[in-house]
Amino acid sequence: MDFRWNAWNEEHVQTHGVRQDEAEAVVRGARSPFPRAQEDERYLVWGSVEGGRILQVVFIIDPDDTIFIIHARPLTEREKKRYRRRMK
């Protein structure tokens, strides 16, 4: 699984306090019911990373099959509760 990073998505992810390796780990570790297809050929994943943080990552798949992350952020407390119920 290859990822494509540029200045825009690197900065955008960091703005939300998420590191690149964390965002990639969430995508790599996706478990059902994720990734979820969204409109505009986007995919959404919720997942946990080392240290117990739970993140949301939104990405697209480029024509060359690389993954381009367009958004990543920590889940809200309400979202965390939903995630934990689903993943039991």
PDB file of N, CA and C in Angstrom:
ATOM      1  N   MET A   1       0.847  -1.169   0.000  1.00  0.00           N
ATOM      2  CA  MET A   1       0.000   0.000   0.000  1.00  0.00           C
ATOM      3  C   MET A   1       0.894   1.236   0.000  1.00  0.00           C
ATOM      4  N   ASP A   2       0.819   2.015  -1.054  1.00  0.00           N
ATOM      5  CA  ASP A   2       1.644   3.212  -1.172  1.00  0.00           C
ATOM      6  C   ASP A   2       0.807   4.463  -0.930  1.00  0.00           C
ATOM      7  N   PHE A   3       1.412   5.435  -0.272  1.00  0.00           N
ATOM      8  CA  PHE A   3       0.760   6.704   0.028  1.00  0.00           C
ATOM      9  C   PHE A   3       1.473   7.821  -0.712  1.00  0.00           C
ATOM     10  N   ARG A   4       0.704   8.833  -1.086  1.00  0.00           N
ATOM     11  CA  ARG A   4       1.282  10.011  -1.746  1.00  0.00           C
ATOM     12  C   ARG A   4       1.064  11.214  -0.834  1.00  0.00           C
ATOM     13  N   TRP A   5       2.151  11.848  -0.493  1.00  0.00           N
ATOM     14  CA  TRP A   5       2.103  13.042   0.349  1.00  0.00           C
ATOM     15  C   TRP A   5       2.673  14.223  -0.414  1.00  0.00           C
ATOM     16  N   ASN A   6       2.100  15.382  -0.173  1.00  0.00           N
ATOM     17  CA  ASN A   6       2.658  16.629  -0.689  1.00  0.00           C
ATOM     18  C   ASN A   6       2.529  17.682   0.408  1.00  0.00           C
ATOM     19  N   ALA A   7       2.982  18.874   0.149  1.00  0.00           N
ATOM     20  CA  ALA A   7       2.967  19.915   1.181  1.00  0.00           C
ATOM     21  C   ALA A   7       1.556  20.181   1.693  1.00  0.00           C
ATOM     22  N   TRP A   8       0.568  20.149   0.809  1.00  0.00           N
ATOM     23  CA  TRP A   8      -0.800  20.455   1.219  1.00  0.00           C
ATOM     24  C   TRP A   8      -1.339  19.431   2.224  1.00  0.00           C
ATOM     25  N   ASN A   9      -1.301  18.130   1.880  1.00  0.00           N
ATOM     26  CA  ASN A   9      -1.907  17.170   2.807  1.00  0.00           C
ATOM     27  C   ASN A   9      -1.050  16.949   4.056  1.00  0.00           C
ATOM     28  N   GLU A  10       0.256  17.091   3.945  1.00  0.00           N
ATOM     29  CA  GLU A  10       1.103  17.012   5.138  1.00  0.00           C
ATOM     30  C   GLU A  10       0.709  18.090   6.142  1.00  0.00           C
ATOM     31  N   GLU A  11       0.588  19.321   5.657  1.00  0.00           N
ATOM     32  CA  GLU A  11       0.239  20.441   6.530  1.00  0.00           C
ATOM     33  C   GLU A  11      -1.174  20.296   7.081  1.00  0.00           C
ATOM     34  N   HIS A  12      -2.108  19.872   6.227  1.00  0.00           N
ATOM     35  CA  HIS A  12      -3.504  19.747   6.651  1.00  0.00           C
ATOM     36  C   HIS A  12      -3.653  18.720   7.770  1.00  0.00           C
ATOM     37  N   VAL A  13      -3.000  17.593   7.653  1.00  0.00           N
ATOM     38  CA  VAL A  13      -3.065  16.549   8.676  1.00  0.00           C
ATOM     39  C   VAL A  13      -2.426  17.060   9.969  1.00  0.00           C
ATOM     40  N   GLN A  14      -1.288  17.718   9.864  1.00  0.00           N
ATOM     41  CA  GLN A  14      -0.595  18.236  11.045  1.00  0.00           C
ATOM     42  C   GLN A  14      -1.421  19.305  11.756  1.00  0.00           C
ATOM     43  N   THR A  15      -2.200  20.071  11.003  1.00  0.00           N
ATOM     44  CA  THR A  15      -3.063  21.095  11.584  1.00  0.00           C
ATOM     45  C   THR A  15      -4.014  20.490  12.605  1.00  0.00           C
ATOM     46  N   HIS A  16      -4.403  19.249  12.396  1.00  0.00           N
ATOM     47  CA  HIS A  16      -5.328  18.558  13.294  1.00  0.00           C
ATOM     48  C   HIS A  16      -4.598  17.689  14.323  1.00  0.00           C
ATOM     49  N   GLY A  17      -3.286  17.866  14.414  1.00  0.00           N
ATOM     50  CA  GLY A  17      -2.510  17.148  15.417  1.00  0.00           C
ATOM     51  C   GLY A  17      -2.266  15.684  15.105  1.00  0.00           C
ATOM     52  N   VAL A  18      -2.323  15.340  13.825  1.00  0.00           N
ATOM     53  CA  VAL A  18      -2.129  13.949  13.407  1.00  0.00           C
ATOM     54  C   VAL A  18      -0.828  13.856  12.620  1.00  0.00           C
ATOM     55  N   ARG A  19      -0.045  12.832  12.919  1.00  0.00           N
ATOM     56  CA  ARG A  19       1.188  12.608  12.168  1.00  0.00           C
ATOM     57  C   ARG A  19       0.882  11.749  10.937  1.00  0.00           C
ATOM     58  N   GLN A  20       1.739  11.855   9.942  1.00  0.00           N
ATOM     59  CA  GLN A  20       1.579  11.067   8.713  1.00  0.00           C
ATOM     60  C   GLN A  20       1.547   9.575   9.015  1.00  0.00           C
ATOM     61  N   ASP A  21       2.470   9.104   9.845  1.00  0.00           N
ATOM     62  CA  ASP A  21       2.517   7.672  10.137  1.00  0.00           C
ATOM     63  C   ASP A  21       1.250   7.197  10.836  1.00  0.00           C
ATOM     64  N   GLU A  22       0.627   8.052  11.646  1.00  0.00           N
ATOM     65  CA  GLU A  22      -0.627   7.683  12.298  1.00  0.00           C
ATOM     66  C   GLU A  22      -1.747   7.548  11.273  1.00  0.00           C
ATOM     67  N   ALA A  23      -1.850   8.517  10.366  1.00  0.00           N
ATOM     68  CA  ALA A  23      -2.888   8.466   9.339  1.00  0.00           C
ATOM     69  C   ALA A  23      -2.717   7.218   8.473  1.00  0.00           C
ATOM     70  N   GLU A  24      -1.501   6.915   8.093  1.00  0.00           N
ATOM     71  CA  GLU A  24      -1.240   5.725   7.282  1.00  0.00           C
ATOM     72  C   GLU A  24      -1.600   4.456   8.050  1.00  0.00           C
ATOM     73  N   ALA A  25      -1.290   4.410   9.338  1.00  0.00           N
ATOM     74  CA  ALA A  25      -1.588   3.226  10.150  1.00  0.00           C
ATOM     75  C   ALA A  25      -3.090   2.972  10.233  1.00  0.00           C
ATOM     76  N   VAL A  26      -3.876   4.030  10.328  1.00  0.00           N
ATOM     77  CA  VAL A  26      -5.328   3.865  10.377  1.00  0.00           C
ATOM     78  C   VAL A  26      -5.836   3.266   9.070  1.00  0.00           C
ATOM     79  N   VAL A  27      -5.338   3.751   7.947  1.00  0.00           N
ATOM     80  CA  VAL A  27      -5.770   3.215   6.650  1.00  0.00           C
ATOM     81  C   VAL A  27      -5.321   1.763   6.514  1.00  0.00           C
ATOM     82  N   ARG A  28      -4.088   1.481   6.841  1.00  0.00           N
ATOM     83  CA  ARG A  28      -3.570   0.106   6.727  1.00  0.00           C
ATOM     84  C   ARG A  28      -4.320  -0.873   7.633  1.00  0.00           C
ATOM     85  N   GLY A  29      -4.723  -0.407   8.796  1.00  0.00           N
ATOM     86  CA  GLY A  29      -5.366  -1.278   9.773  1.00  0.00           C
ATOM     87  C   GLY A  29      -6.882  -1.305   9.691  1.00  0.00           C
ATOM     88  N   ALA A  30      -7.460  -0.765   8.630  1.00  0.00           N
ATOM     89  CA  ALA A  30      -8.923  -0.674   8.521  1.00  0.00           C
ATOM     90  C   ALA A  30      -9.580  -2.035   8.688  1.00  0.00           C
ATOM     91  N   ARG A  31     -10.591  -2.061   9.550  1.00  0.00           N
ATOM     92  CA  ARG A  31     -11.388  -3.266   9.787  1.00  0.00           C
ATOM     93  C   ARG A  31     -12.846  -2.946   9.482  1.00  0.00           C
ATOM     94  N   SER A  32     -13.577  -3.953   9.043  1.00  0.00           N
ATOM     95  CA  SER A  32     -14.990  -3.790   8.731  1.00  0.00           C
ATOM     96  C   SER A  32     -15.696  -3.114   9.903  1.00  0.00           C
ATOM     97  N   PRO A  33     -16.504  -2.130   9.670  1.00  0.00           N
ATOM     98  CA  PRO A  33     -17.151  -1.721   8.428  1.00  0.00           C
ATOM     99  C   PRO A  33     -16.388  -0.661   7.629  1.00  0.00           C
ATOM    100  N   PHE A  34     -15.110  -0.522   7.878  1.00  0.00           N
ATOM    101  CA  PHE A  34     -14.305   0.482   7.187  1.00  0.00           C
ATOM    102  C   PHE A  34     -13.382  -0.183   6.187  1.00  0.00           C
ATOM    103  N   PRO A  35     -12.939   0.515   5.168  1.00  0.00           N
ATOM    104  CA  PRO A  35     -13.292   1.886   4.806  1.00  0.00           C
ATOM    105  C   PRO A  35     -14.705   1.966   4.243  1.00  0.00           C
ATOM    106  N   ARG A  36     -15.309   3.111   4.453  1.00  0.00           N
ATOM    107  CA  ARG A  36     -16.649   3.379   3.956  1.00  0.00           C
ATOM    108  C   ARG A  36     -16.556   4.319   2.761  1.00  0.00           C
ATOM    109  N   ALA A  37     -17.213   3.940   1.692  1.00  0.00           N
ATOM    110  CA  ALA A  37     -17.237   4.794   0.503  1.00  0.00           C
ATOM    111  C   ALA A  37     -18.090   6.027   0.801  1.00  0.00           C
ATOM    112  N   GLN A  38     -17.597   7.166   0.396  1.00  0.00           N
ATOM    113  CA  GLN A  38     -18.296   8.435   0.542  1.00  0.00           C
ATOM    114  C   GLN A  38     -18.540   8.990  -0.858  1.00  0.00           C
ATOM    115  N   GLU A  39     -19.163  10.135  -0.939  1.00  0.00           N
ATOM    116  CA  GLU A  39     -19.354  10.740  -2.262  1.00  0.00           C
ATOM    117  C   GLU A  39     -18.018  11.243  -2.797  1.00  0.00           C
ATOM    118  N   ASP A  40     -17.986  11.514  -4.059  1.00  0.00           N
ATOM    119  CA  ASP A  40     -16.788  12.029  -4.738  1.00  0.00           C
ATOM    120  C   ASP A  40     -15.599  11.070  -4.658  1.00  0.00           C
ATOM    121  N   GLU A  41     -15.870   9.764  -4.650  1.00  0.00           N
ATOM    122  CA  GLU A  41     -14.829   8.740  -4.648  1.00  0.00           C
ATOM    123  C   GLU A  41     -13.877   8.842  -3.462  1.00  0.00           C
ATOM    124  N   ARG A  42     -14.413   9.287  -2.343  1.00  0.00           N
ATOM    125  CA  ARG A  42     -13.643   9.374  -1.107  1.00  0.00           C
ATOM    126  C   ARG A  42     -13.979   8.179  -0.235  1.00  0.00           C
ATOM    127  N   TYR A  43     -13.039   7.853   0.647  1.00  0.00           N
ATOM    128  CA  TYR A  43     -13.231   6.766   1.600  1.00  0.00           C
ATOM    129  C   TYR A  43     -12.936   7.272   2.999  1.00  0.00           C
ATOM    130  N   LEU A  44     -13.715   6.803   3.968  1.00  0.00           N
ATOM    131  CA  LEU A  44     -13.572   7.212   5.352  1.00  0.00           C
ATOM    132  C   LEU A  44     -13.204   5.994   6.198  1.00  0.00           C
ATOM    133  N   VAL A  45     -12.253   6.190   7.104  1.00  0.00           N
ATOM    134  CA  VAL A  45     -11.824   5.133   8.014  1.00  0.00           C
ATOM    135  C   VAL A  45     -11.724   5.714   9.419  1.00  0.00           C
ATOM    136  N   TRP A  46     -12.208   4.955  10.401  1.00  0.00           N
ATOM    137  CA  TRP A  46     -11.956   5.243  11.805  1.00  0.00           C
ATOM    138  C   TRP A  46     -11.055   4.132  12.313  1.00  0.00           C
ATOM    139  N   GLY A  47     -10.061   4.493  13.116  1.00  0.00           N
ATOM    140  CA  GLY A  47      -9.192   3.472  13.665  1.00  0.00           C
ATOM    141  C   GLY A  47      -8.312   4.027  14.765  1.00  0.00           C
ATOM    142  N   SER A  48      -7.763   3.107  15.543  1.00  0.00           N
ATOM    143  CA  SER A  48      -6.913   3.521  16.657  1.00  0.00           C
ATOM    144  C   SER A  48      -5.440   3.382  16.284  1.00  0.00           C
ATOM    145  N   VAL A  49      -4.636   4.162  16.973  1.00  0.00           N
ATOM    146  CA  VAL A  49      -3.187   4.141  16.774  1.00  0.00           C
ATOM    147  C   VAL A  49      -2.529   3.914  18.125  1.00  0.00           C
ATOM    148  N   GLU A  50      -1.215   3.678  18.103  1.00  0.00           N
ATOM    149  CA  GLU A  50      -0.479   3.509  19.350  1.00  0.00           C
ATOM    150  C   GLU A  50      -0.768   4.668  20.280  1.00  0.00           C
ATOM    151  N   GLY A  51      -0.883   4.357  21.549  1.00  0.00           N
ATOM    152  CA  GLY A  51      -1.183   5.400  22.524  1.00  0.00           C
ATOM    153  C   GLY A  51      -2.670   5.531  22.775  1.00  0.00           C
ATOM    154  N   GLY A  52      -3.491   4.797  22.007  1.00  0.00           N
ATOM    155  CA  GLY A  52      -4.924   4.772  22.243  1.00  0.00           C
ATOM    156  C   GLY A  52      -5.752   5.834  21.545  1.00  0.00           C
ATOM    157  N   ARG A  53      -5.105   6.718  20.801  1.00  0.00           N
ATOM    158  CA  ARG A  53      -5.891   7.729  20.081  1.00  0.00           C
ATOM    159  C   ARG A  53      -6.706   7.055  18.982  1.00  0.00           C
ATOM    160  N   ILE A  54      -7.905   7.584  18.758  1.00  0.00           N
ATOM    161  CA  ILE A  54      -8.764   7.071  17.705  1.00  0.00           C
ATOM    162  C   ILE A  54      -8.957   8.200  16.701  1.00  0.00           C
ATOM    163  N   LEU A  55      -8.664   7.896  15.445  1.00  0.00           N
ATOM    164  CA  LEU A  55      -8.648   8.919  14.405  1.00  0.00           C
ATOM    165  C   LEU A  55      -9.647   8.631  13.296  1.00  0.00           C
ATOM    166  N   GLN A  56     -10.021   9.687  12.618  1.00  0.00           N
ATOM    167  CA  GLN A  56     -10.777   9.591  11.372  1.00  0.00           C
ATOM    168  C   GLN A  56      -9.849  10.015  10.248  1.00  0.00           C
ATOM    169  N   VAL A  57      -9.810   9.229   9.189  1.00  0.00           N
ATOM    170  CA  VAL A  57      -8.994   9.542   8.023  1.00  0.00           C
ATOM    171  C   VAL A  57      -9.875   9.450   6.787  1.00  0.00           C
ATOM    172  N   VAL A  58      -9.771  10.450   5.934  1.00  0.00           N
ATOM    173  CA  VAL A  58     -10.481  10.456   4.661  1.00  0.00           C
ATOM    174  C   VAL A  58      -9.430  10.468   3.558  1.00  0.00           C
ATOM    175  N   PHE A  59      -9.625   9.608   2.562  1.00  0.00           N
ATOM    176  CA  PHE A  59      -8.633   9.508   1.494  1.00  0.00           C
ATOM    177  C   PHE A  59      -9.305   9.227   0.163  1.00  0.00           C
ATOM    178  N   ILE A  60      -8.526   9.417  -0.892  1.00  0.00           N
ATOM    179  CA  ILE A  60      -8.927   9.019  -2.236  1.00  0.00           C
ATOM    180  C   ILE A  60      -7.856   8.076  -2.765  1.00  0.00           C
ATOM    181  N   ILE A  61      -8.223   7.312  -3.764  1.00  0.00           N
ATOM    182  CA  ILE A  61      -7.262   6.428  -4.414  1.00  0.00           C
ATOM    183  C   ILE A  61      -6.949   7.033  -5.773  1.00  0.00           C
ATOM    184  N   ASP A  62      -5.694   7.386  -5.973  1.00  0.00           N
ATOM    185  CA  ASP A  62      -5.258   7.986  -7.232  1.00  0.00           C
ATOM    186  C   ASP A  62      -5.313   6.958  -8.360  1.00  0.00           C
ATOM    187  N   PRO A  63      -5.320   7.426  -9.612  1.00  0.00           N
ATOM    188  CA  PRO A  63      -5.338   6.499 -10.748  1.00  0.00           C
ATOM    189  C   PRO A  63      -4.188   5.495 -10.742  1.00  0.00           C
ATOM    190  N   ASP A  64      -3.071   5.843 -10.126  1.00  0.00           N
ATOM    191  CA  ASP A  64      -1.941   4.905 -10.063  1.00  0.00           C
ATOM    192  C   ASP A  64      -2.013   4.008  -8.819  1.00  0.00           C
ATOM    193  N   ASP A  65      -3.176   3.984  -8.163  1.00  0.00           N
ATOM    194  CA  ASP A  65      -3.460   3.162  -6.980  1.00  0.00           C
ATOM    195  C   ASP A  65      -2.718   3.600  -5.719  1.00  0.00           C
ATOM    196  N   THR A  66      -2.185   4.809  -5.693  1.00  0.00           N
ATOM    197  CA  THR A  66      -1.627   5.329  -4.451  1.00  0.00           C
ATOM    198  C   THR A  66      -2.762   5.970  -3.653  1.00  0.00           C
ATOM    199  N   ILE A  67      -2.574   6.000  -2.352  1.00  0.00           N
ATOM    200  CA  ILE A  67      -3.570   6.576  -1.453  1.00  0.00           C
ATOM    201  C   ILE A  67      -3.151   7.994  -1.118  1.00  0.00           C
ATOM    202  N   PHE A  68      -4.081   8.930  -1.321  1.00  0.00           N
ATOM    203  CA  PHE A  68      -3.842  10.337  -1.040  1.00  0.00           C
ATOM    204  C   PHE A  68      -4.779  10.745   0.091  1.00  0.00           C
ATOM    205  N   ILE A  69      -4.213  10.961   1.259  1.00  0.00           N
ATOM    206  CA  ILE A  69      -5.004  11.339   2.428  1.00  0.00           C
ATOM    207  C   ILE A  69      -5.359  12.812   2.315  1.00  0.00           C
ATOM    208  N   ILE A  70      -6.659  13.101   2.440  1.00  0.00           N
ATOM    209  CA  ILE A  70      -7.105  14.482   2.303  1.00  0.00           C
ATOM    210  C   ILE A  70      -7.569  15.082   3.629  1.00  0.00           C
ATOM    211  N   HIS A  71      -7.739  14.229   4.646  1.00  0.00           N
ATOM    212  CA  HIS A  71      -8.184  14.742   5.945  1.00  0.00           C
ATOM    213  C   HIS A  71      -7.886  13.705   7.024  1.00  0.00           C
ATOM    214  N   ALA A  72      -7.487  14.165   8.191  1.00  0.00           N
ATOM    215  CA  ALA A  72      -7.298  13.282   9.340  1.00  0.00           C
ATOM    216  C   ALA A  72      -7.451  14.125  10.591  1.00  0.00           C
ATOM    217  N   ARG A  73      -8.173  13.535  11.572  1.00  0.00           N
ATOM    218  CA  ARG A  73      -8.379  14.238  12.835  1.00  0.00           C
ATOM    219  C   ARG A  73      -8.742  13.230  13.919  1.00  0.00           C
ATOM    220  N   PRO A  74      -8.554  13.608  15.188  1.00  0.00           N
ATOM    221  CA  PRO A  74      -9.017  12.748  16.273  1.00  0.00           C
ATOM    222  C   PRO A  74     -10.546  12.729  16.296  1.00  0.00           C
ATOM    223  N   LEU A  75     -11.113  11.610  16.721  1.00  0.00           N
ATOM    224  CA  LEU A  75     -12.560  11.531  16.868  1.00  0.00           C
ATOM    225  C   LEU A  75     -13.013  12.359  18.064  1.00  0.00           C
ATOM    226  N   THR A  76     -14.245  12.827  17.994  1.00  0.00           N
ATOM    227  CA  THR A  76     -14.852  13.495  19.144  1.00  0.00           C
ATOM    228  C   THR A  76     -15.204  12.428  20.182  1.00  0.00           C
ATOM    229  N   GLU A  77     -15.521  12.832  21.391  1.00  0.00           N
ATOM    230  CA  GLU A  77     -15.900  11.869  22.435  1.00  0.00           C
ATOM    231  C   GLU A  77     -17.121  11.059  22.008  1.00  0.00           C
ATOM    232  N   ARG A  78     -18.085  11.704  21.404  1.00  0.00           N
ATOM    233  CA  ARG A  78     -19.290  11.004  20.938  1.00  0.00           C
ATOM    234  C   ARG A  78     -18.952   9.967  19.865  1.00  0.00           C
ATOM    235  N   GLU A  79     -18.088  10.344  18.929  1.00  0.00           N
ATOM    236  CA  GLU A  79     -17.667   9.419  17.883  1.00  0.00           C
ATOM    237  C   GLU A  79     -16.889   8.237  18.466  1.00  0.00           C
ATOM    238  N   LYS A  80     -16.069   8.501  19.478  1.00  0.00           N
ATOM    239  CA  LYS A  80     -15.309   7.427  20.117  1.00  0.00           C
ATOM    240  C   LYS A  80     -16.240   6.380  20.720  1.00  0.00           C
ATOM    241  N   LYS A  81     -17.320   6.827  21.355  1.00  0.00           N
ATOM    242  CA  LYS A  81     -18.288   5.888  21.939  1.00  0.00           C
ATOM    243  C   LYS A  81     -18.910   5.025  20.856  1.00  0.00           C
ATOM    244  N   ARG A  82     -19.294   5.637  19.737  1.00  0.00           N
ATOM    245  CA  ARG A  82     -19.860   4.880  18.618  1.00  0.00           C
ATOM    246  C   ARG A  82     -18.847   3.880  18.076  1.00  0.00           C
ATOM    247  N   TYR A  83     -17.612   4.315  17.929  1.00  0.00           N
ATOM    248  CA  TYR A  83     -16.557   3.434  17.415  1.00  0.00           C
ATOM    249  C   TYR A  83     -16.363   2.222  18.327  1.00  0.00           C
ATOM    250  N   ARG A  84     -16.271   2.478  19.616  1.00  0.00           N
ATOM    251  CA  ARG A  84     -16.033   1.387  20.568  1.00  0.00           C
ATOM    252  C   ARG A  84     -17.184   0.387  20.571  1.00  0.00           C
ATOM    253  N   ARG A  85     -18.417   0.867  20.453  1.00  0.00           N
ATOM    254  CA  ARG A  85     -19.571  -0.045  20.400  1.00  0.00           C
ATOM    255  C   ARG A  85     -19.508  -0.917  19.147  1.00  0.00           C
ATOM    256  N   ARG A  86     -19.160  -0.338  18.023  1.00  0.00           N
ATOM    257  CA  ARG A  86     -19.114  -1.069  16.760  1.00  0.00           C
ATOM    258  C   ARG A  86     -17.995  -2.094  16.700  1.00  0.00           C
ATOM    259  N   MET A  87     -16.885  -1.792  17.352  1.00  0.00           N
ATOM    260  CA  MET A  87     -15.703  -2.641  17.201  1.00  0.00           C
ATOM    261  C   MET A  87     -15.595  -3.714  18.276  1.00  0.00           C
ATOM    262  N   LYS A  88     -16.587  -3.843  19.123  1.00  0.00           N
ATOM    263  CA  LYS A  88     -16.555  -4.886  20.172  1.00  0.00           C
ATOM    264  C   LYS A  88     -16.649  -6.255  19.582  1.00  0.00           C
TER     265      LYS A  88
END
